[in-house]
């Protein structure tokens, strides 16, 4: 995977682009 493991429930993509994915 290109995405690194971040210490948190939020993904690196979601951190940079906070989009309503939980709809």
PDB file of N, CA and C in Angstrom:
ATOM      1  N   UNK A   1       0.827  -1.204   0.000  1.00  0.00           N
ATOM      2  CA  UNK A   1       0.000   0.000   0.000  1.00  0.00           C
ATOM      3  C   UNK A   1       0.863   1.256   0.000  1.00  0.00           C
ATOM      4  N   UNK A   2       0.479   2.226  -0.782  1.00  0.00           N
ATOM      5  CA  UNK A   2       1.244   3.472  -0.861  1.00  0.00           C
ATOM      6  C   UNK A   2       0.992   4.347   0.362  1.00  0.00           C
ATOM      7  N   UNK A   3      -0.189   4.163   0.977  1.00  0.00           N
ATOM      8  CA  UNK A   3      -0.527   4.969   2.154  1.00  0.00           C
ATOM      9  C   UNK A   3       0.148   4.399   3.388  1.00  0.00           C
ATOM     10  N   UNK A   4       0.754   5.274   4.168  1.00  0.00           N
ATOM     11  CA  UNK A   4       1.434   4.834   5.386  1.00  0.00           C
ATOM     12  C   UNK A   4       0.444   4.725   6.537  1.00  0.00           C
ATOM     13  N   UNK A   5       0.792   3.911   7.530  1.00  0.00           N
ATOM     14  CA  UNK A   5      -0.091   3.715   8.675  1.00  0.00           C
ATOM     15  C   UNK A   5      -0.010   4.911   9.619  1.00  0.00           C
ATOM     16  N   UNK A   6      -1.135   5.583   9.798  1.00  0.00           N
ATOM     17  CA  UNK A   6      -1.158   6.763  10.672  1.00  0.00           C
ATOM     18  C   UNK A   6      -1.760   6.402  12.032  1.00  0.00           C
ATOM     19  N   UNK A   7      -1.182   6.944  13.116  1.00  0.00           N
ATOM     20  CA  UNK A   7      -1.668   6.689  14.482  1.00  0.00           C
ATOM     21  C   UNK A   7      -2.987   7.394  14.750  1.00  0.00           C
ATOM     22  N   UNK A   8      -4.057   6.898  14.169  1.00  0.00           N
ATOM     23  CA  UNK A   8      -5.360   7.539  14.377  1.00  0.00           C
ATOM     24  C   UNK A   8      -6.416   6.895  13.499  1.00  0.00           C
ATOM     25  N   UNK A   9      -7.673   7.075  13.862  1.00  0.00           N
ATOM     26  CA  UNK A   9      -8.796   6.482  13.127  1.00  0.00           C
ATOM     27  C   UNK A   9      -8.986   7.144  11.761  1.00  0.00           C
ATOM     28  N   UNK A  10      -8.396   8.326  11.583  1.00  0.00           N
ATOM     29  CA  UNK A  10      -8.543   9.052  10.318  1.00  0.00           C
ATOM     30  C   UNK A  10      -7.443   8.653   9.344  1.00  0.00           C
ATOM     31  N   UNK A  11      -7.795   8.473   8.095  1.00  0.00           N
ATOM     32  CA  UNK A  11      -6.830   8.095   7.078  1.00  0.00           C
ATOM     33  C   UNK A  11      -6.075   9.330   6.582  1.00  0.00           C
ATOM     34  N   UNK A  12      -4.892   9.121   6.015  1.00  0.00           N
ATOM     35  CA  UNK A  12      -4.076  10.230   5.494  1.00  0.00           C
ATOM     36  C   UNK A  12      -4.815  11.025   4.412  1.00  0.00           C
ATOM     37  N   UNK A  13      -5.620  10.320   3.620  1.00  0.00           N
ATOM     38  CA  UNK A  13      -6.393  10.989   2.572  1.00  0.00           C
ATOM     39  C   UNK A  13      -7.488  11.847   3.173  1.00  0.00           C
ATOM     40  N   UNK A  14      -8.097  11.313   4.229  1.00  0.00           N
ATOM     41  CA  UNK A  14      -9.195  12.029   4.874  1.00  0.00           C
ATOM     42  C   UNK A  14      -8.669  13.251   5.626  1.00  0.00           C
ATOM     43  N   UNK A  15      -7.413  13.170   6.071  1.00  0.00           N
ATOM     44  CA  UNK A  15      -6.823  14.284   6.814  1.00  0.00           C
ATOM     45  C   UNK A  15      -6.548  15.458   5.870  1.00  0.00           C
ATOM     46  N   UNK A  16      -6.040  15.138   4.676  1.00  0.00           N
ATOM     47  CA  UNK A  16      -5.742  16.190   3.704  1.00  0.00           C
ATOM     48  C   UNK A  16      -7.023  16.699   3.046  1.00  0.00           C
ATOM     49  N   UNK A  17      -7.926  15.761   2.751  1.00  0.00           N
ATOM     50  CA  UNK A  17      -9.187  16.138   2.108  1.00  0.00           C
ATOM     51  C   UNK A  17     -10.369  15.653   2.942  1.00  0.00           C
ATOM     52  N   UNK A  18     -10.776  16.450   3.931  1.00  0.00           N
ATOM     53  CA  UNK A  18     -11.894  16.095   4.823  1.00  0.00           C
ATOM     54  C   UNK A  18     -13.224  16.102   4.087  1.00  0.00           C
ATOM     55  N   UNK A  19     -13.557  14.981   3.460  1.00  0.00           N
ATOM     56  CA  UNK A  19     -14.825  14.893   2.727  1.00  0.00           C
ATOM     57  C   UNK A  19     -15.804  14.002   3.484  1.00  0.00           C
ATOM     58  N   UNK A  20     -17.097  14.262   3.326  1.00  0.00           N
ATOM     59  CA  UNK A  20     -18.153  13.480   3.997  1.00  0.00           C
ATOM     60  C   UNK A  20     -18.234  12.064   3.441  1.00  0.00           C
ATOM     61  N   UNK A  21     -17.309  11.200   3.855  1.00  0.00           N
ATOM     62  CA  UNK A  21     -17.306   9.826   3.369  1.00  0.00           C
ATOM     63  C   UNK A  21     -18.242   8.950   4.193  1.00  0.00           C
ATOM     64  N   UNK A  22     -18.664   9.474   5.335  1.00  0.00           N
ATOM     65  CA  UNK A  22     -19.549   8.705   6.219  1.00  0.00           C
ATOM     66  C   UNK A  22     -21.007   9.066   5.970  1.00  0.00           C
ATOM     67  N   UNK A  23     -21.394   9.075   4.709  1.00  0.00           N
ATOM     68  CA  UNK A  23     -22.782   9.412   4.383  1.00  0.00           C
ATOM     69  C   UNK A  23     -23.540   8.165   3.956  1.00  0.00           C
TER      70      UNK A  23
END
